[in-house]
Amino acid sequence: MLDPKKLLDDLLGSQVPGTGSTVRDKAGQAVQMAKDNPLAAGALAAVLLGTGTGRQVTGAAIKLGGLAAIGGLAYKAYQNYKAGNEPA
């Protein structure tokens, strides 16, 4: 049976290359930075969503992020397959 929570936890718990932290840690840092600097976060959102170029960049980033997440899940499934682990 597919366990989406476990897959998401595995993905968020993976190490960010070149750093000693996980994806979850980096996401928490981004959220904290947005809380500490609401004006800057609002300005960035306005630029990304308020202009045609910004919307194109944002759309491309969302697509790329989605592909990366799918690739990460596929890689994790492949690792489990090679290790002989049954799907959860």
PDB file of N, CA and C in Angstrom:
ATOM      1  N   MET A   1       0.842  -1.182   0.000  1.00  0.00           N
ATOM      2  CA  MET A   1       0.000   0.000   0.000  1.00  0.00           C
ATOM      3  C   MET A   1       0.885   1.242   0.000  1.00  0.00           C
ATOM      4  N   LEU A   2       0.514   2.208  -0.760  1.00  0.00           N
ATOM      5  CA  LEU A   2       1.260   3.459  -0.858  1.00  0.00           C
ATOM      6  C   LEU A   2       0.997   4.319   0.374  1.00  0.00           C
ATOM      7  N   ASP A   3       2.072   4.774   1.003  1.00  0.00           N
ATOM      8  CA  ASP A   3       1.956   5.626   2.186  1.00  0.00           C
ATOM      9  C   ASP A   3       2.489   7.016   1.835  1.00  0.00           C
ATOM     10  N   PRO A   4       1.602   7.953   1.425  1.00  0.00           N
ATOM     11  CA  PRO A   4       2.069   9.273   1.002  1.00  0.00           C
ATOM     12  C   PRO A   4       2.785  10.034   2.111  1.00  0.00           C
ATOM     13  N   LYS A   5       2.364   9.858   3.356  1.00  0.00           N
ATOM     14  CA  LYS A   5       3.013  10.576   4.458  1.00  0.00           C
ATOM     15  C   LYS A   5       4.462  10.138   4.604  1.00  0.00           C
ATOM     16  N   LYS A   6       4.708   8.830   4.501  1.00  0.00           N
ATOM     17  CA  LYS A   6       6.079   8.328   4.608  1.00  0.00           C
ATOM     18  C   LYS A   6       6.925   8.834   3.441  1.00  0.00           C
ATOM     19  N   LEU A   7       6.362   8.835   2.233  1.00  0.00           N
ATOM     20  CA  LEU A   7       7.099   9.336   1.075  1.00  0.00           C
ATOM     21  C   LEU A   7       7.451  10.810   1.243  1.00  0.00           C
ATOM     22  N   LEU A   8       6.493  11.603   1.722  1.00  0.00           N
ATOM     23  CA  LEU A   8       6.745  13.024   1.937  1.00  0.00           C
ATOM     24  C   LEU A   8       7.778  13.233   3.033  1.00  0.00           C
ATOM     25  N   ASP A   9       7.688  12.458   4.101  1.00  0.00           N
ATOM     26  CA  ASP A   9       8.683  12.558   5.172  1.00  0.00           C
ATOM     27  C   ASP A   9      10.072  12.190   4.668  1.00  0.00           C
ATOM     28  N   ASP A  10      10.162  11.157   3.828  1.00  0.00           N
ATOM     29  CA  ASP A  10      11.455  10.775   3.255  1.00  0.00           C
ATOM     30  C   ASP A  10      12.010  11.887   2.373  1.00  0.00           C
ATOM     31  N   LEU A  11      11.129  12.493   1.576  1.00  0.00           N
ATOM     32  CA  LEU A  11      11.569  13.565   0.685  1.00  0.00           C
ATOM     33  C   LEU A  11      12.023  14.786   1.478  1.00  0.00           C
ATOM     34  N   LEU A  12      11.240  15.188   2.467  1.00  0.00           N
ATOM     35  CA  LEU A  12      11.597  16.363   3.263  1.00  0.00           C
ATOM     36  C   LEU A  12      12.781  16.100   4.180  1.00  0.00           C
ATOM     37  N   GLY A  13      13.027  14.857   4.511  1.00  0.00           N
ATOM     38  CA  GLY A  13      14.138  14.516   5.384  1.00  0.00           C
ATOM     39  C   GLY A  13      15.447  14.311   4.646  1.00  0.00           C
ATOM     40  N   SER A  14      15.427  14.402   3.309  1.00  0.00           N
ATOM     41  CA  SER A  14      16.651  14.187   2.545  1.00  0.00           C
ATOM     42  C   SER A  14      17.593  15.378   2.688  1.00  0.00           C
ATOM     43  N   GLN A  15      18.877  15.106   2.552  1.00  0.00           N
ATOM     44  CA  GLN A  15      19.907  16.128   2.707  1.00  0.00           C
ATOM     45  C   GLN A  15      19.949  17.034   1.479  1.00  0.00           C
ATOM     46  N   VAL A  16      20.182  18.319   1.717  1.00  0.00           N
ATOM     47  CA  VAL A  16      20.394  19.276   0.637  1.00  0.00           C
ATOM     48  C   VAL A  16      21.874  19.199   0.279  1.00  0.00           C
ATOM     49  N   PRO A  17      22.207  18.926  -0.986  1.00  0.00           N
ATOM     50  CA  PRO A  17      23.617  18.808  -1.361  1.00  0.00           C
ATOM     51  C   PRO A  17      24.398  20.086  -1.038  1.00  0.00           C
ATOM     52  N   GLY A  18      25.585  19.911  -0.502  1.00  0.00           N
ATOM     53  CA  GLY A  18      26.443  21.047  -0.195  1.00  0.00           C
ATOM     54  C   GLY A  18      26.171  21.693   1.150  1.00  0.00           C
ATOM     55  N   THR A  19      25.180  21.193   1.868  1.00  0.00           N
ATOM     56  CA  THR A  19      24.867  21.732   3.193  1.00  0.00           C
ATOM     57  C   THR A  19      24.735  20.577   4.168  1.00  0.00           C
ATOM     58  N   GLY A  20      24.691  20.888   5.422  1.00  0.00           N
ATOM     59  CA  GLY A  20      24.496  19.861   6.427  1.00  0.00           C
ATOM     60  C   GLY A  20      23.064  19.777   6.899  1.00  0.00           C
ATOM     61  N   SER A  21      22.134  20.350   6.140  1.00  0.00           N
ATOM     62  CA  SER A  21      20.747  20.398   6.596  1.00  0.00           C
ATOM     63  C   SER A  21      19.829  19.665   5.625  1.00  0.00           C
ATOM     64  N   THR A  22      18.592  19.476   6.066  1.00  0.00           N
ATOM     65  CA  THR A  22      17.605  18.773   5.256  1.00  0.00           C
ATOM     66  C   THR A  22      16.711  19.772   4.526  1.00  0.00           C
ATOM     67  N   VAL A  23      15.905  19.243   3.619  1.00  0.00           N
ATOM     68  CA  VAL A  23      14.943  20.075   2.890  1.00  0.00           C
ATOM     69  C   VAL A  23      13.976  20.719   3.878  1.00  0.00           C
ATOM     70  N   ARG A  24      13.567  19.966   4.894  1.00  0.00           N
ATOM     71  CA  ARG A  24      12.652  20.490   5.907  1.00  0.00           C
ATOM     72  C   ARG A  24      13.282  21.677   6.640  1.00  0.00           C
ATOM     73  N   ASP A  25      14.586  21.578   6.974  1.00  0.00           N
ATOM     74  CA  ASP A  25      15.281  22.676   7.650  1.00  0.00           C
ATOM     75  C   ASP A  25      15.301  23.934   6.776  1.00  0.00           C
ATOM     76  N   LYS A  26      15.619  23.751   5.495  1.00  0.00           N
ATOM     77  CA  LYS A  26      15.682  24.894   4.576  1.00  0.00           C
ATOM     78  C   LYS A  26      14.304  25.525   4.389  1.00  0.00           C
ATOM     79  N   ALA A  27      13.266  24.714   4.317  1.00  0.00           N
ATOM     80  CA  ALA A  27      11.909  25.256   4.192  1.00  0.00           C
ATOM     81  C   ALA A  27      11.539  26.049   5.437  1.00  0.00           C
ATOM     82  N   GLY A  28      11.915  25.544   6.603  1.00  0.00           N
ATOM     83  CA  GLY A  28      11.662  26.271   7.851  1.00  0.00           C
ATOM     84  C   GLY A  28      12.396  27.597   7.895  1.00  0.00           C
ATOM     85  N   GLN A  29      13.636  27.612   7.376  1.00  0.00           N
ATOM     86  CA  GLN A  29      14.396  28.859   7.330  1.00  0.00           C
ATOM     87  C   GLN A  29      13.727  29.866   6.402  1.00  0.00           C
ATOM     88  N   ALA A  30      13.203  29.397   5.266  1.00  0.00           N
ATOM     89  CA  ALA A  30      12.529  30.297   4.330  1.00  0.00           C
ATOM     90  C   ALA A  30      11.264  30.881   4.952  1.00  0.00           C
ATOM     91  N   VAL A  31      10.515  30.058   5.659  1.00  0.00           N
ATOM     92  CA  VAL A  31       9.297  30.540   6.326  1.00  0.00           C
ATOM     93  C   VAL A  31       9.653  31.567   7.395  1.00  0.00           C
ATOM     94  N   GLN A  32      10.688  31.284   8.174  1.00  0.00           N
ATOM     95  CA  GLN A  32      11.099  32.220   9.223  1.00  0.00           C
ATOM     96  C   GLN A  32      11.569  33.542   8.622  1.00  0.00           C
ATOM     97  N   MET A  33      12.302  33.482   7.508  1.00  0.00           N
ATOM     98  CA  MET A  33      12.767  34.704   6.862  1.00  0.00           C
ATOM     99  C   MET A  33      11.575  35.534   6.372  1.00  0.00           C
ATOM    100  N   ALA A  34      10.550  34.873   5.836  1.00  0.00           N
ATOM    101  CA  ALA A  34       9.358  35.590   5.385  1.00  0.00           C
ATOM    102  C   ALA A  34       8.622  36.222   6.563  1.00  0.00           C
ATOM    103  N   LYS A  35       8.598  35.530   7.715  1.00  0.00           N
ATOM    104  CA  LYS A  35       7.953  36.095   8.903  1.00  0.00           C
ATOM    105  C   LYS A  35       8.732  37.287   9.441  1.00  0.00           C
ATOM    106  N   ASP A  36      10.061  37.201   9.395  1.00  0.00           N
ATOM    107  CA  ASP A  36      10.902  38.281   9.910  1.00  0.00           C
ATOM    108  C   ASP A  36      10.902  39.503   8.995  1.00  0.00           C
ATOM    109  N   ASN A  37      10.669  39.303   7.701  1.00  0.00           N
ATOM    110  CA  ASN A  37      10.710  40.391   6.719  1.00  0.00           C
ATOM    111  C   ASN A  37       9.440  40.382   5.869  1.00  0.00           C
ATOM    112  N   PRO A  38       8.292  40.730   6.449  1.00  0.00           N
ATOM    113  CA  PRO A  38       7.045  40.646   5.675  1.00  0.00           C
ATOM    114  C   PRO A  38       7.010  41.602   4.488  1.00  0.00           C
ATOM    115  N   LEU A  39       7.644  42.755   4.617  1.00  0.00           N
ATOM    116  CA  LEU A  39       7.648  43.702   3.507  1.00  0.00           C
ATOM    117  C   LEU A  39       8.426  43.138   2.325  1.00  0.00           C
ATOM    118  N   ALA A  40       9.583  42.559   2.596  1.00  0.00           N
ATOM    119  CA  ALA A  40      10.387  41.968   1.526  1.00  0.00           C
ATOM    120  C   ALA A  40       9.662  40.784   0.895  1.00  0.00           C
ATOM    121  N   ALA A  41       9.014  39.965   1.710  1.00  0.00           N
ATOM    122  CA  ALA A  41       8.279  38.816   1.184  1.00  0.00           C
ATOM    123  C   ALA A  41       7.116  39.280   0.306  1.00  0.00           C
ATOM    124  N   GLY A  42       6.419  40.317   0.737  1.00  0.00           N
ATOM    125  CA  GLY A  42       5.325  40.864  -0.059  1.00  0.00           C
ATOM    126  C   GLY A  42       5.809  41.468  -1.362  1.00  0.00           C
ATOM    127  N   ALA A  43       6.938  42.163  -1.305  1.00  0.00           N
ATOM    128  CA  ALA A  43       7.499  42.758  -2.520  1.00  0.00           C
ATOM    129  C   ALA A  43       7.915  41.676  -3.507  1.00  0.00           C
ATOM    130  N   LEU A  44       8.524  40.617  -3.013  1.00  0.00           N
ATOM    131  CA  LEU A  44       8.934  39.517  -3.884  1.00  0.00           C
ATOM    132  C   LEU A  44       7.717  38.848  -4.515  1.00  0.00           C
ATOM    133  N   ALA A  45       6.672  38.634  -3.722  1.00  0.00           N
ATOM    134  CA  ALA A  45       5.446  38.039  -4.256  1.00  0.00           C
ATOM    135  C   ALA A  45       4.819  38.949  -5.310  1.00  0.00           C
ATOM    136  N   ALA A  46       4.841  40.256  -5.074  1.00  0.00           N
ATOM    137  CA  ALA A  46       4.276  41.202  -6.040  1.00  0.00           C
ATOM    138  C   ALA A  46       5.045  41.168  -7.353  1.00  0.00           C
ATOM    139  N   VAL A  47       6.360  41.092  -7.271  1.00  0.00           N
ATOM    140  CA  VAL A  47       7.170  41.037  -8.493  1.00  0.00           C
ATOM    141  C   VAL A  47       6.924  39.730  -9.237  1.00  0.00           C
ATOM    142  N   LEU A  48       6.879  38.625  -8.489  1.00  0.00           N
ATOM    143  CA  LEU A  48       6.710  37.326  -9.138  1.00  0.00           C
ATOM    144  C   LEU A  48       5.316  37.134  -9.715  1.00  0.00           C
ATOM    145  N   LEU A  49       4.304  37.671  -9.060  1.00  0.00           N
ATOM    146  CA  LEU A  49       2.937  37.439  -9.515  1.00  0.00           C
ATOM    147  C   LEU A  49       2.325  38.637 -10.227  1.00  0.00           C
ATOM    148  N   GLY A  50       2.940  39.803 -10.107  1.00  0.00           N
ATOM    149  CA  GLY A  50       2.357  41.014 -10.666  1.00  0.00           C
ATOM    150  C   GLY A  50       2.823  41.369 -12.060  1.00  0.00           C
ATOM    151  N   THR A  51       3.800  40.659 -12.585  1.00  0.00           N
ATOM    152  CA  THR A  51       4.297  40.944 -13.928  1.00  0.00           C
ATOM    153  C   THR A  51       4.210  39.680 -14.771  1.00  0.00           C
ATOM    154  N   GLY A  52       4.121  39.861 -16.068  1.00  0.00           N
ATOM    155  CA  GLY A  52       4.050  38.706 -16.964  1.00  0.00           C
ATOM    156  C   GLY A  52       5.288  37.840 -16.878  1.00  0.00           C
ATOM    157  N   THR A  53       6.444  38.468 -16.856  1.00  0.00           N
ATOM    158  CA  THR A  53       7.696  37.718 -16.748  1.00  0.00           C
ATOM    159  C   THR A  53       7.769  36.989 -15.418  1.00  0.00           C
ATOM    160  N   GLY A  54       7.340  37.655 -14.357  1.00  0.00           N
ATOM    161  CA  GLY A  54       7.341  37.020 -13.039  1.00  0.00           C
ATOM    162  C   GLY A  54       6.443  35.805 -12.992  1.00  0.00           C
ATOM    163  N   ARG A  55       5.272  35.905 -13.637  1.00  0.00           N
ATOM    164  CA  ARG A  55       4.364  34.754 -13.669  1.00  0.00           C
ATOM    165  C   ARG A  55       4.969  33.604 -14.468  1.00  0.00           C
ATOM    166  N   GLN A  56       5.674  33.939 -15.556  1.00  0.00           N
ATOM    167  CA  GLN A  56       6.329  32.893 -16.342  1.00  0.00           C
ATOM    168  C   GLN A  56       7.409  32.194 -15.522  1.00  0.00           C
ATOM    169  N   VAL A  57       8.212  32.982 -14.815  1.00  0.00           N
ATOM    170  CA  VAL A  57       9.276  32.410 -13.986  1.00  0.00           C
ATOM    171  C   VAL A  57       8.673  31.562 -12.875  1.00  0.00           C
ATOM    172  N   THR A  58       7.626  32.071 -12.236  1.00  0.00           N
ATOM    173  CA  THR A  58       6.982  31.332 -11.154  1.00  0.00           C
ATOM    174  C   THR A  58       6.382  30.032 -11.672  1.00  0.00           C
ATOM    175  N   GLY A  59       5.715  30.099 -12.816  1.00  0.00           N
ATOM    176  CA  GLY A  59       5.131  28.887 -13.398  1.00  0.00           C
ATOM    177  C   GLY A  59       6.189  27.859 -13.743  1.00  0.00           C
ATOM    178  N   ALA A  60       7.302  28.329 -14.307  1.00  0.00           N
ATOM    179  CA  ALA A  60       8.392  27.409 -14.643  1.00  0.00           C
ATOM    180  C   ALA A  60       8.992  26.799 -13.381  1.00  0.00           C
ATOM    181  N   ALA A  61       9.131  27.602 -12.335  1.00  0.00           N
ATOM    182  CA  ALA A  61       9.698  27.089 -11.080  1.00  0.00           C
ATOM    183  C   ALA A  61       8.779  26.048 -10.452  1.00  0.00           C
ATOM    184  N   ILE A  62       7.474  26.282 -10.520  1.00  0.00           N
ATOM    185  CA  ILE A  62       6.522  25.313  -9.962  1.00  0.00           C
ATOM    186  C   ILE A  62       6.587  24.003 -10.738  1.00  0.00           C
ATOM    187  N   LYS A  63       6.657  24.098 -12.067  1.00  0.00           N
ATOM    188  CA  LYS A  63       6.757  22.887 -12.881  1.00  0.00           C
ATOM    189  C   LYS A  63       8.049  22.139 -12.570  1.00  0.00           C
ATOM    190  N   LEU A  64       9.141  22.868 -12.478  1.00  0.00           N
ATOM    191  CA  LEU A  64      10.431  22.245 -12.191  1.00  0.00           C
ATOM    192  C   LEU A  64      10.434  21.606 -10.807  1.00  0.00           C
ATOM    193  N   GLY A  65       9.845  22.282  -9.840  1.00  0.00           N
ATOM    194  CA  GLY A  65       9.755  21.721  -8.493  1.00  0.00           C
ATOM    195  C   GLY A  65       8.920  20.454  -8.461  1.00  0.00           C
ATOM    196  N   GLY A  66       7.829  20.456  -9.208  1.00  0.00           N
ATOM    197  CA  GLY A  66       6.993  19.262  -9.287  1.00  0.00           C
ATOM    198  C   GLY A  66       7.727  18.096  -9.929  1.00  0.00           C
ATOM    199  N   LEU A  67       8.464  18.395 -10.995  1.00  0.00           N
ATOM    200  CA  LEU A  67       9.251  17.344 -11.637  1.00  0.00           C
ATOM    201  C   LEU A  67      10.337  16.820 -10.709  1.00  0.00           C
ATOM    202  N   ALA A  68      10.958  17.715  -9.955  1.00  0.00           N
ATOM    203  CA  ALA A  68      11.990  17.291  -9.008  1.00  0.00           C
ATOM    204  C   ALA A  68      11.401  16.402  -7.920  1.00  0.00           C
ATOM    205  N   ALA A  69      10.216  16.749  -7.439  1.00  0.00           N
ATOM    206  CA  ALA A  69       9.568  15.928  -6.413  1.00  0.00           C
ATOM    207  C   ALA A  69       9.230  14.544  -6.958  1.00  0.00           C
ATOM    208  N   ILE A  70       8.708  14.490  -8.173  1.00  0.00           N
ATOM    209  CA  ILE A  70       8.385  13.199  -8.786  1.00  0.00           C
ATOM    210  C   ILE A  70       9.658  12.386  -9.005  1.00  0.00           C
ATOM    211  N   GLY A  71      10.709  13.053  -9.470  1.00  0.00           N
ATOM    212  CA  GLY A  71      11.985  12.365  -9.657  1.00  0.00           C
ATOM    213  C   GLY A  71      12.539  11.831  -8.351  1.00  0.00           C
ATOM    214  N   GLY A  72      12.413  12.607  -7.288  1.00  0.00           N
ATOM    215  CA  GLY A  72      12.885  12.165  -5.975  1.00  0.00           C
ATOM    216  C   GLY A  72      12.124  10.951  -5.482  1.00  0.00           C
ATOM    217  N   LEU A  73      10.808  10.958  -5.683  1.00  0.00           N
ATOM    218  CA  LEU A  73       9.999   9.804  -5.281  1.00  0.00           C
ATOM    219  C   LEU A  73      10.349   8.573  -6.114  1.00  0.00           C
ATOM    220  N   ALA A  74      10.569   8.780  -7.409  1.00  0.00           N
ATOM    221  CA  ALA A  74      10.942   7.655  -8.269  1.00  0.00           C
ATOM    222  C   ALA A  74      12.298   7.087  -7.859  1.00  0.00           C
ATOM    223  N   TYR A  75      13.239   7.952  -7.529  1.00  0.00           N
ATOM    224  CA  TYR A  75      14.561   7.497  -7.099  1.00  0.00           C
ATOM    225  C   TYR A  75      14.465   6.716  -5.795  1.00  0.00           C
ATOM    226  N   LYS A  76      13.647   7.201  -4.870  1.00  0.00           N
ATOM    227  CA  LYS A  76      13.458   6.500  -3.595  1.00  0.00           C
ATOM    228  C   LYS A  76      12.833   5.129  -3.842  1.00  0.00           C
ATOM    229  N   ALA A  77      11.865   5.054  -4.737  1.00  0.00           N
ATOM    230  CA  ALA A  77      11.246   3.771  -5.066  1.00  0.00           C
ATOM    231  C   ALA A  77      12.273   2.830  -5.694  1.00  0.00           C
ATOM    232  N   TYR A  78      13.135   3.355  -6.546  1.00  0.00           N
ATOM    233  CA  TYR A  78      14.187   2.545  -7.171  1.00  0.00           C
ATOM    234  C   TYR A  78      15.170   2.025  -6.123  1.00  0.00           C
ATOM    235  N   GLN A  79      15.540   2.885  -5.166  1.00  0.00           N
ATOM    236  CA  GLN A  79      16.438   2.446  -4.096  1.00  0.00           C
ATOM    237  C   GLN A  79      15.795   1.316  -3.292  1.00  0.00           C
ATOM    238  N   ASN A  80      14.520   1.454  -2.979  1.00  0.00           N
ATOM    239  CA  ASN A  80      13.808   0.401  -2.249  1.00  0.00           C
ATOM    240  C   ASN A  80      13.760  -0.888  -3.064  1.00  0.00           C
ATOM    241  N   TYR A  81      13.550  -0.760  -4.366  1.00  0.00           N
ATOM    242  CA  TYR A  81      13.501  -1.923  -5.249  1.00  0.00           C
ATOM    243  C   TYR A  81      14.847  -2.642  -5.258  1.00  0.00           C
ATOM    244  N   LYS A  82      15.935  -1.886  -5.396  1.00  0.00           N
ATOM    245  CA  LYS A  82      17.266  -2.491  -5.425  1.00  0.00           C
ATOM    246  C   LYS A  82      17.614  -3.143  -4.097  1.00  0.00           C
ATOM    247  N   ALA A  83      17.125  -2.575  -3.005  1.00  0.00           N
ATOM    248  CA  ALA A  83      17.408  -3.134  -1.683  1.00  0.00           C
ATOM    249  C   ALA A  83      16.502  -4.327  -1.373  1.00  0.00           C
ATOM    250  N   GLY A  84      15.521  -4.577  -2.234  1.00  0.00           N
ATOM    251  CA  GLY A  84      14.620  -5.703  -2.030  1.00  0.00           C
ATOM    252  C   GLY A  84      13.498  -5.417  -1.059  1.00  0.00           C
ATOM    253  N   ASN A  85      13.286  -4.149  -0.734  1.00  0.00           N
ATOM    254  CA  ASN A  85      12.212  -3.785   0.193  1.00  0.00           C
ATOM    255  C   ASN A  85      10.878  -3.786  -0.532  1.00  0.00           C
ATOM    256  N   GLU A  86       9.866  -4.269   0.149  1.00  0.00           N
ATOM    257  CA  GLU A  86       8.510  -4.244  -0.381  1.00  0.00           C
ATOM    258  C   GLU A  86       7.942  -2.838  -0.248  1.00  0.00           C
ATOM    259  N   PRO A  87       7.059  -2.427  -1.160  1.00  0.00           N
ATOM    260  CA  PRO A  87       6.404  -1.125  -0.987  1.00  0.00           C
ATOM    261  C   PRO A  87       5.607  -1.109   0.307  1.00  0.00           C
ATOM    262  N   ALA A  88       5.586   0.043   0.957  1.00  0.00           N
ATOM    263  CA  ALA A  88       4.882   0.155   2.247  1.00  0.00           C
ATOM    264  C   ALA A  88       3.395   0.200   2.041  1.00  0.00           C
TER     265      ALA A  88
END
